[in-house]
Amino acid sequence: MRLWSIHPKYLDSKGLVALWRESLLAQAVLNGQTKGYTKHPQLLRFKQHKQPLQAMATYLACILQESKERGYRFDATKVGDTRTQYKMKVTKGQVDYEWEWLCEKLKMRDPSFLEQWKHIQQNEVHPLFEVVEGGIEPWEKMK
């Protein structure tokens, strides 16, 4: 399970579909609808949020919006109704780590998609997050 901190616009089609599915699974875990993945490190930051379910709904809403902009047909009824205004903090080191990891994936999977992002100086994060100083997050399972 990978719940990216970076904005979903940077994901290729396979990555965006995978993020949608994994985020729906994460939502099910937070709702207590599954017994698996309950201790998954990627879910720790959502579990620690003031409003975990609303944070996940907010996270999914951005993915849904990106899918619509690309002409995909993700099922909007699967996203919780209530959003949160509370941002989640993510460290700059975590964002940089994820960016490097994504670039490596895209070099092999979809180099032409990666090409459109090669000139950016600072990548955007998912709107749910606020970037703070720091290294890679303790919950990250590094390669």
N, C-alpha and C. Protein backbone atom coordinates (compact mmCIF):
# COMPACT_ATOMS: atom_id res chain seq x y z
N MET A 1 0.86 -1.17 0.00
CA MET A 1 0.00 0.00 0.00
C MET A 1 0.90 1.23 0.00
N ARG A 2 0.63 2.13 -0.93
CA ARG A 2 1.37 3.39 -1.01
C ARG A 2 0.36 4.52 -1.06
N LEU A 3 0.32 5.32 -0.02
CA LEU A 3 -0.54 6.50 0.03
C LEU A 3 0.38 7.70 -0.14
N TRP A 4 0.54 8.13 -1.38
CA TRP A 4 1.50 9.15 -1.74
C TRP A 4 1.20 10.49 -1.05
N SER A 5 2.26 11.18 -0.66
CA SER A 5 2.15 12.55 -0.15
C SER A 5 2.16 13.54 -1.30
N ILE A 6 2.82 13.16 -2.38
CA ILE A 6 2.90 14.06 -3.54
C ILE A 6 1.54 14.11 -4.24
N HIS A 7 1.33 15.14 -5.01
CA HIS A 7 0.05 15.35 -5.69
C HIS A 7 -0.20 14.22 -6.69
N PRO A 8 -1.43 13.72 -6.79
CA PRO A 8 -1.71 12.62 -7.71
C PRO A 8 -1.52 12.96 -9.19
N LYS A 9 -1.41 14.23 -9.53
CA LYS A 9 -1.20 14.59 -10.94
C LYS A 9 0.11 14.04 -11.47
N TYR A 10 1.06 13.75 -10.58
CA TYR A 10 2.37 13.24 -11.01
C TYR A 10 2.36 11.74 -11.29
N LEU A 11 1.26 11.07 -10.99
CA LEU A 11 1.18 9.62 -11.20
C LEU A 11 0.71 9.31 -12.61
N ASP A 12 1.32 8.31 -13.22
CA ASP A 12 0.85 7.84 -14.51
C ASP A 12 -0.47 7.10 -14.31
N SER A 13 -1.06 6.62 -15.38
CA SER A 13 -2.39 5.99 -15.28
C SER A 13 -2.37 4.78 -14.33
N LYS A 14 -1.35 3.94 -14.44
CA LYS A 14 -1.28 2.78 -13.55
C LYS A 14 -1.13 3.21 -12.10
N GLY A 15 -0.33 4.23 -11.88
CA GLY A 15 -0.12 4.73 -10.52
C GLY A 15 -1.38 5.34 -9.93
N LEU A 16 -2.12 6.08 -10.74
CA LEU A 16 -3.34 6.72 -10.25
C LEU A 16 -4.41 5.68 -9.91
N VAL A 17 -4.55 4.68 -10.77
CA VAL A 17 -5.52 3.61 -10.50
C VAL A 17 -5.12 2.85 -9.24
N ALA A 18 -3.85 2.55 -9.09
CA ALA A 18 -3.37 1.84 -7.90
C ALA A 18 -3.62 2.68 -6.64
N LEU A 19 -3.36 3.98 -6.73
CA LEU A 19 -3.58 4.86 -5.58
C LEU A 19 -5.06 4.88 -5.20
N TRP A 20 -5.94 4.92 -6.17
CA TRP A 20 -7.38 4.90 -5.92
C TRP A 20 -7.76 3.63 -5.17
N ARG A 21 -7.33 2.49 -5.67
CA ARG A 21 -7.67 1.20 -5.04
C ARG A 21 -7.09 1.09 -3.63
N GLU A 22 -5.84 1.49 -3.48
CA GLU A 22 -5.19 1.39 -2.18
C GLU A 22 -5.81 2.36 -1.17
N SER A 23 -6.23 3.51 -1.64
CA SER A 23 -6.87 4.49 -0.75
C SER A 23 -8.26 4.02 -0.33
N LEU A 24 -8.97 3.36 -1.24
CA LEU A 24 -10.26 2.77 -0.87
C LEU A 24 -10.07 1.67 0.17
N LEU A 25 -9.02 0.88 0.01
CA LEU A 25 -8.71 -0.15 1.01
C LEU A 25 -8.39 0.52 2.35
N ALA A 26 -7.61 1.58 2.31
CA ALA A 26 -7.27 2.31 3.54
C ALA A 26 -8.53 2.85 4.22
N GLN A 27 -9.46 3.36 3.42
CA GLN A 27 -10.72 3.86 3.97
C GLN A 27 -11.49 2.73 4.65
N ALA A 28 -11.51 1.55 4.03
CA ALA A 28 -12.18 0.39 4.61
C ALA A 28 -11.53 -0.01 5.94
N VAL A 29 -10.21 0.05 5.99
CA VAL A 29 -9.50 -0.27 7.23
C VAL A 29 -9.89 0.72 8.32
N LEU A 30 -9.87 2.01 7.99
CA LEU A 30 -10.22 3.04 8.97
C LEU A 30 -11.67 2.93 9.42
N ASN A 31 -12.53 2.41 8.55
CA ASN A 31 -13.94 2.20 8.88
C ASN A 31 -14.19 0.90 9.64
N GLY A 32 -13.12 0.10 9.82
CA GLY A 32 -13.27 -1.18 10.50
C GLY A 32 -13.97 -2.22 9.66
N GLN A 33 -13.90 -2.09 8.33
CA GLN A 33 -14.60 -3.00 7.43
C GLN A 33 -13.72 -4.14 6.94
N THR A 34 -12.49 -4.21 7.39
CA THR A 34 -11.60 -5.29 7.00
C THR A 34 -10.66 -5.59 8.16
N LYS A 35 -10.20 -6.83 8.21
CA LYS A 35 -9.29 -7.22 9.28
C LYS A 35 -7.82 -7.08 8.86
N GLY A 36 -7.59 -7.00 7.56
CA GLY A 36 -6.22 -6.88 7.05
C GLY A 36 -5.74 -5.45 7.06
N TYR A 37 -4.45 -5.28 6.99
CA TYR A 37 -3.79 -3.98 6.83
C TYR A 37 -3.98 -3.02 8.00
N THR A 38 -4.49 -3.50 9.12
CA THR A 38 -4.80 -2.59 10.22
C THR A 38 -3.56 -1.94 10.83
N LYS A 39 -2.42 -2.57 10.69
CA LYS A 39 -1.18 -2.01 11.25
C LYS A 39 -0.22 -1.55 10.15
N HIS A 40 -0.72 -1.34 8.97
CA HIS A 40 0.14 -0.94 7.85
C HIS A 40 0.74 0.43 8.13
N PRO A 41 2.07 0.58 7.94
CA PRO A 41 2.74 1.85 8.25
C PRO A 41 2.18 3.06 7.51
N GLN A 42 1.69 2.87 6.30
CA GLN A 42 1.15 3.99 5.53
C GLN A 42 -0.11 4.56 6.18
N LEU A 43 -0.78 3.77 7.01
CA LEU A 43 -2.01 4.23 7.65
C LEU A 43 -1.77 4.98 8.96
N LEU A 44 -0.57 4.88 9.50
CA LEU A 44 -0.30 5.50 10.80
C LEU A 44 -0.64 6.98 10.82
N ARG A 45 -0.22 7.71 9.81
CA ARG A 45 -0.47 9.15 9.84
C ARG A 45 -1.96 9.48 9.73
N PHE A 46 -2.72 8.64 9.04
CA PHE A 46 -4.16 8.88 8.97
C PHE A 46 -4.82 8.53 10.31
N LYS A 47 -4.38 7.46 10.93
CA LYS A 47 -4.92 7.08 12.24
C LYS A 47 -4.63 8.16 13.29
N GLN A 48 -3.53 8.87 13.15
CA GLN A 48 -3.15 9.89 14.12
C GLN A 48 -3.83 11.24 13.86
N HIS A 49 -4.50 11.37 12.75
CA HIS A 49 -5.20 12.61 12.41
C HIS A 49 -6.38 12.82 13.36
N LYS A 50 -6.74 14.08 13.61
CA LYS A 50 -7.89 14.41 14.47
C LYS A 50 -9.18 13.78 13.95
N GLN A 51 -9.29 13.69 12.63
CA GLN A 51 -10.48 13.16 11.98
C GLN A 51 -10.06 12.16 10.89
N PRO A 52 -9.69 10.94 11.29
CA PRO A 52 -9.13 9.99 10.32
C PRO A 52 -10.01 9.71 9.10
N LEU A 53 -11.29 9.46 9.32
CA LEU A 53 -12.16 9.14 8.19
C LEU A 53 -12.37 10.33 7.27
N GLN A 54 -12.49 11.50 7.85
CA GLN A 54 -12.65 12.71 7.04
C GLN A 54 -11.36 13.00 6.28
N ALA A 55 -10.22 12.74 6.91
CA ALA A 55 -8.94 12.94 6.23
C ALA A 55 -8.83 12.01 5.02
N MET A 56 -9.26 10.76 5.18
CA MET A 56 -9.20 9.82 4.06
C MET A 56 -10.18 10.23 2.97
N ALA A 57 -11.36 10.71 3.34
CA ALA A 57 -12.32 11.18 2.34
C ALA A 57 -11.76 12.37 1.58
N THR A 58 -11.07 13.25 2.28
CA THR A 58 -10.44 14.40 1.64
C THR A 58 -9.34 13.94 0.70
N TYR A 59 -8.57 12.97 1.14
CA TYR A 59 -7.49 12.39 0.32
C TYR A 59 -8.07 11.78 -0.95
N LEU A 60 -9.13 10.99 -0.80
CA LEU A 60 -9.77 10.34 -1.95
C LEU A 60 -10.40 11.35 -2.89
N ALA A 61 -10.96 12.42 -2.36
CA ALA A 61 -11.63 13.42 -3.21
C ALA A 61 -10.65 14.04 -4.20
N CYS A 62 -9.42 14.26 -3.79
CA CYS A 62 -8.40 14.81 -4.69
C CYS A 62 -8.05 13.81 -5.79
N ILE A 63 -7.95 12.55 -5.43
CA ILE A 63 -7.68 11.50 -6.42
C ILE A 63 -8.84 11.42 -7.41
N LEU A 64 -10.04 11.49 -6.89
CA LEU A 64 -11.23 11.47 -7.74
C LEU A 64 -11.22 12.65 -8.71
N GLN A 65 -10.88 13.84 -8.22
CA GLN A 65 -10.82 15.02 -9.08
C GLN A 65 -9.78 14.84 -10.19
N GLU A 66 -8.63 14.32 -9.84
CA GLU A 66 -7.59 14.07 -10.85
C GLU A 66 -8.08 13.07 -11.89
N SER A 67 -8.79 12.05 -11.44
CA SER A 67 -9.31 11.05 -12.38
C SER A 67 -10.31 11.69 -13.35
N LYS A 68 -11.15 12.57 -12.85
CA LYS A 68 -12.13 13.26 -13.71
C LYS A 68 -11.42 14.12 -14.75
N GLU A 69 -10.37 14.81 -14.32
CA GLU A 69 -9.61 15.66 -15.25
C GLU A 69 -8.96 14.85 -16.36
N ARG A 70 -8.69 13.59 -16.09
CA ARG A 70 -8.10 12.71 -17.11
C ARG A 70 -9.15 11.94 -17.91
N GLY A 71 -10.40 12.12 -17.57
CA GLY A 71 -11.47 11.42 -18.29
C GLY A 71 -11.74 10.02 -17.80
N TYR A 72 -11.26 9.67 -16.61
CA TYR A 72 -11.52 8.35 -16.03
C TYR A 72 -12.88 8.37 -15.35
N ARG A 73 -13.38 7.19 -15.04
CA ARG A 73 -14.69 7.07 -14.40
C ARG A 73 -14.59 6.33 -13.07
N PHE A 74 -13.93 6.94 -12.11
CA PHE A 74 -13.88 6.35 -10.77
C PHE A 74 -15.25 6.57 -10.11
N ASP A 75 -15.63 5.66 -9.25
CA ASP A 75 -16.95 5.70 -8.61
C ASP A 75 -16.94 6.66 -7.42
N ALA A 76 -17.53 7.82 -7.60
CA ALA A 76 -17.55 8.86 -6.57
C ALA A 76 -18.34 8.43 -5.33
N THR A 77 -19.25 7.48 -5.47
CA THR A 77 -20.06 7.06 -4.32
C THR A 77 -19.23 6.30 -3.29
N LYS A 78 -18.02 5.92 -3.65
CA LYS A 78 -17.16 5.18 -2.72
C LYS A 78 -16.39 6.10 -1.77
N VAL A 79 -16.47 7.40 -2.01
CA VAL A 79 -15.75 8.37 -1.18
C VAL A 79 -16.67 8.87 -0.08
N GLY A 80 -16.16 8.87 1.15
CA GLY A 80 -16.94 9.39 2.27
C GLY A 80 -17.39 10.83 2.01
N ASP A 81 -18.50 11.21 2.61
CA ASP A 81 -19.10 12.52 2.35
C ASP A 81 -18.44 13.68 3.09
N THR A 82 -17.89 13.43 4.26
CA THR A 82 -17.39 14.50 5.11
C THR A 82 -15.91 14.74 4.90
N ARG A 83 -15.54 15.98 4.69
CA ARG A 83 -14.13 16.38 4.48
C ARG A 83 -13.59 17.02 5.76
N THR A 84 -12.29 17.21 5.79
CA THR A 84 -11.66 17.89 6.92
C THR A 84 -10.92 19.12 6.45
N GLN A 85 -10.82 20.09 7.32
CA GLN A 85 -10.02 21.29 7.05
C GLN A 85 -8.63 21.17 7.67
N TYR A 86 -8.45 20.16 8.55
CA TYR A 86 -7.19 19.99 9.24
C TYR A 86 -6.15 19.35 8.32
N LYS A 87 -5.08 20.07 8.09
CA LYS A 87 -3.99 19.55 7.26
C LYS A 87 -3.20 18.50 8.03
N MET A 88 -2.57 17.62 7.28
CA MET A 88 -1.64 16.66 7.87
C MET A 88 -0.23 17.13 7.52
N LYS A 89 0.66 17.02 8.45
CA LYS A 89 2.04 17.43 8.20
C LYS A 89 2.80 16.28 7.53
N VAL A 90 3.67 16.66 6.60
CA VAL A 90 4.57 15.70 5.97
C VAL A 90 5.92 16.40 5.85
N THR A 91 6.97 15.67 6.11
CA THR A 91 8.30 16.28 6.08
C THR A 91 8.81 16.43 4.65
N LYS A 92 9.64 17.43 4.48
CA LYS A 92 10.27 17.67 3.18
C LYS A 92 11.07 16.44 2.75
N GLY A 93 11.76 15.82 3.69
CA GLY A 93 12.52 14.61 3.39
C GLY A 93 11.64 13.48 2.86
N GLN A 94 10.44 13.35 3.40
CA GLN A 94 9.50 12.33 2.93
C GLN A 94 9.05 12.64 1.52
N VAL A 95 8.72 13.89 1.27
CA VAL A 95 8.27 14.30 -0.07
C VAL A 95 9.38 14.06 -1.08
N ASP A 96 10.61 14.43 -0.75
CA ASP A 96 11.74 14.21 -1.65
C ASP A 96 11.96 12.72 -1.91
N TYR A 97 11.84 11.91 -0.86
CA TYR A 97 12.01 10.46 -1.00
C TYR A 97 10.95 9.88 -1.95
N GLU A 98 9.71 10.29 -1.74
CA GLU A 98 8.63 9.80 -2.60
C GLU A 98 8.83 10.24 -4.04
N TRP A 99 9.28 11.48 -4.23
CA TRP A 99 9.50 11.99 -5.59
C TRP A 99 10.56 11.15 -6.30
N GLU A 100 11.67 10.90 -5.61
CA GLU A 100 12.74 10.09 -6.21
C GLU A 100 12.25 8.69 -6.53
N TRP A 101 11.49 8.12 -5.62
CA TRP A 101 10.96 6.78 -5.82
C TRP A 101 10.02 6.75 -7.03
N LEU A 102 9.14 7.73 -7.12
CA LEU A 102 8.22 7.78 -8.26
C LEU A 102 8.98 7.96 -9.57
N CYS A 103 9.96 8.82 -9.58
CA CYS A 103 10.75 9.03 -10.81
C CYS A 103 11.41 7.74 -11.26
N GLU A 104 11.92 6.97 -10.33
CA GLU A 104 12.54 5.68 -10.68
C GLU A 104 11.49 4.73 -11.27
N LYS A 105 10.31 4.69 -10.69
CA LYS A 105 9.23 3.84 -11.22
C LYS A 105 8.85 4.28 -12.63
N LEU A 106 8.70 5.60 -12.81
CA LEU A 106 8.25 6.11 -14.11
C LEU A 106 9.32 5.95 -15.19
N LYS A 107 10.59 6.00 -14.82
CA LYS A 107 11.66 5.78 -15.80
C LYS A 107 11.48 4.43 -16.49
N MET A 108 11.04 3.45 -15.73
CA MET A 108 10.87 2.11 -16.29
C MET A 108 9.48 1.91 -16.86
N ARG A 109 8.46 2.44 -16.20
CA ARG A 109 7.08 2.14 -16.56
C ARG A 109 6.51 3.09 -17.62
N ASP A 110 6.86 4.38 -17.54
CA ASP A 110 6.27 5.35 -18.46
C ASP A 110 7.18 6.58 -18.59
N PRO A 111 8.32 6.43 -19.27
CA PRO A 111 9.27 7.53 -19.38
C PRO A 111 8.69 8.79 -20.03
N SER A 112 7.78 8.62 -20.97
CA SER A 112 7.20 9.80 -21.63
C SER A 112 6.34 10.60 -20.66
N PHE A 113 5.67 9.94 -19.74
CA PHE A 113 4.88 10.64 -18.73
C PHE A 113 5.81 11.41 -17.79
N LEU A 114 6.91 10.80 -17.40
CA LEU A 114 7.89 11.45 -16.53
C LEU A 114 8.50 12.68 -17.20
N GLU A 115 8.67 12.62 -18.49
CA GLU A 115 9.31 13.71 -19.25
C GLU A 115 8.62 15.05 -19.01
N GLN A 116 7.31 15.05 -18.87
CA GLN A 116 6.59 16.31 -18.69
C GLN A 116 6.88 16.98 -17.35
N TRP A 117 7.43 16.25 -16.39
CA TRP A 117 7.71 16.80 -15.07
C TRP A 117 9.18 17.09 -14.82
N LYS A 118 10.03 16.86 -15.79
CA LYS A 118 11.47 16.96 -15.54
C LYS A 118 11.95 18.38 -15.24
N HIS A 119 11.18 19.40 -15.62
CA HIS A 119 11.63 20.78 -15.43
C HIS A 119 11.10 21.44 -14.16
N ILE A 120 10.28 20.74 -13.39
CA ILE A 120 9.73 21.38 -12.20
C ILE A 120 10.81 21.52 -11.13
N GLN A 121 10.76 22.61 -10.42
CA GLN A 121 11.73 22.87 -9.36
C GLN A 121 11.24 22.33 -8.02
N GLN A 122 9.96 22.52 -7.74
CA GLN A 122 9.38 22.07 -6.48
C GLN A 122 8.08 21.35 -6.78
N ASN A 123 8.03 20.07 -6.48
CA ASN A 123 6.79 19.34 -6.75
C ASN A 123 5.74 19.66 -5.69
N GLU A 124 4.49 19.58 -6.10
CA GLU A 124 3.38 19.86 -5.20
C GLU A 124 3.03 18.61 -4.40
N VAL A 125 2.51 18.84 -3.22
CA VAL A 125 2.01 17.73 -2.42
C VAL A 125 0.50 17.66 -2.56
N HIS A 126 -0.05 16.55 -2.16
CA HIS A 126 -1.50 16.39 -2.11
C HIS A 126 -2.04 17.52 -1.23
N PRO A 127 -3.16 18.14 -1.60
CA PRO A 127 -3.68 19.29 -0.85
C PRO A 127 -4.00 19.02 0.62
N LEU A 128 -4.11 17.76 1.01
CA LEU A 128 -4.36 17.43 2.42
C LEU A 128 -3.13 17.70 3.28
N PHE A 129 -1.95 17.78 2.64
CA PHE A 129 -0.71 17.87 3.40
C PHE A 129 -0.11 19.27 3.43
N GLU A 130 0.63 19.50 4.49
CA GLU A 130 1.43 20.71 4.67
C GLU A 130 2.86 20.25 4.89
N VAL A 131 3.79 20.78 4.12
CA VAL A 131 5.19 20.35 4.21
C VAL A 131 5.88 21.09 5.35
N VAL A 132 6.60 20.32 6.17
CA VAL A 132 7.40 20.87 7.26
C VAL A 132 8.83 20.34 7.11
N GLU A 133 9.75 20.99 7.76
CA GLU A 133 11.14 20.53 7.70
C GLU A 133 11.27 19.17 8.37
N GLY A 134 12.21 18.40 7.88
CA GLY A 134 12.47 17.09 8.48
C GLY A 134 12.90 16.08 7.45
N GLY A 135 13.38 14.96 7.95
CA GLY A 135 13.85 13.88 7.08
C GLY A 135 12.71 12.96 6.68
N ILE A 136 13.07 11.75 6.30
CA ILE A 136 12.08 10.75 5.90
C ILE A 136 11.28 10.36 7.15
N GLU A 137 9.99 10.21 7.00
CA GLU A 137 9.10 9.90 8.11
C GLU A 137 9.46 8.54 8.72
N PRO A 138 9.29 8.40 10.04
CA PRO A 138 9.64 7.13 10.72
C PRO A 138 8.80 5.95 10.25
N TRP A 139 7.59 6.18 9.76
CA TRP A 139 6.74 5.08 9.33
C TRP A 139 7.11 4.55 7.95
N GLU A 140 7.94 5.28 7.21
CA GLU A 140 8.31 4.87 5.84
C GLU A 140 9.14 3.60 5.85
N LYS A 141 8.75 2.65 5.04
CA LYS A 141 9.52 1.41 4.84
C LYS A 141 10.42 1.64 3.64
N MET A 142 11.68 1.97 3.88
CA MET A 142 12.60 2.31 2.80
C MET A 142 13.09 1.07 2.10
N LYS A 143 13.38 1.25 0.78
CA LYS A 143 13.90 0.16 -0.04
C LYS A 143 15.32 -0.15 0.38
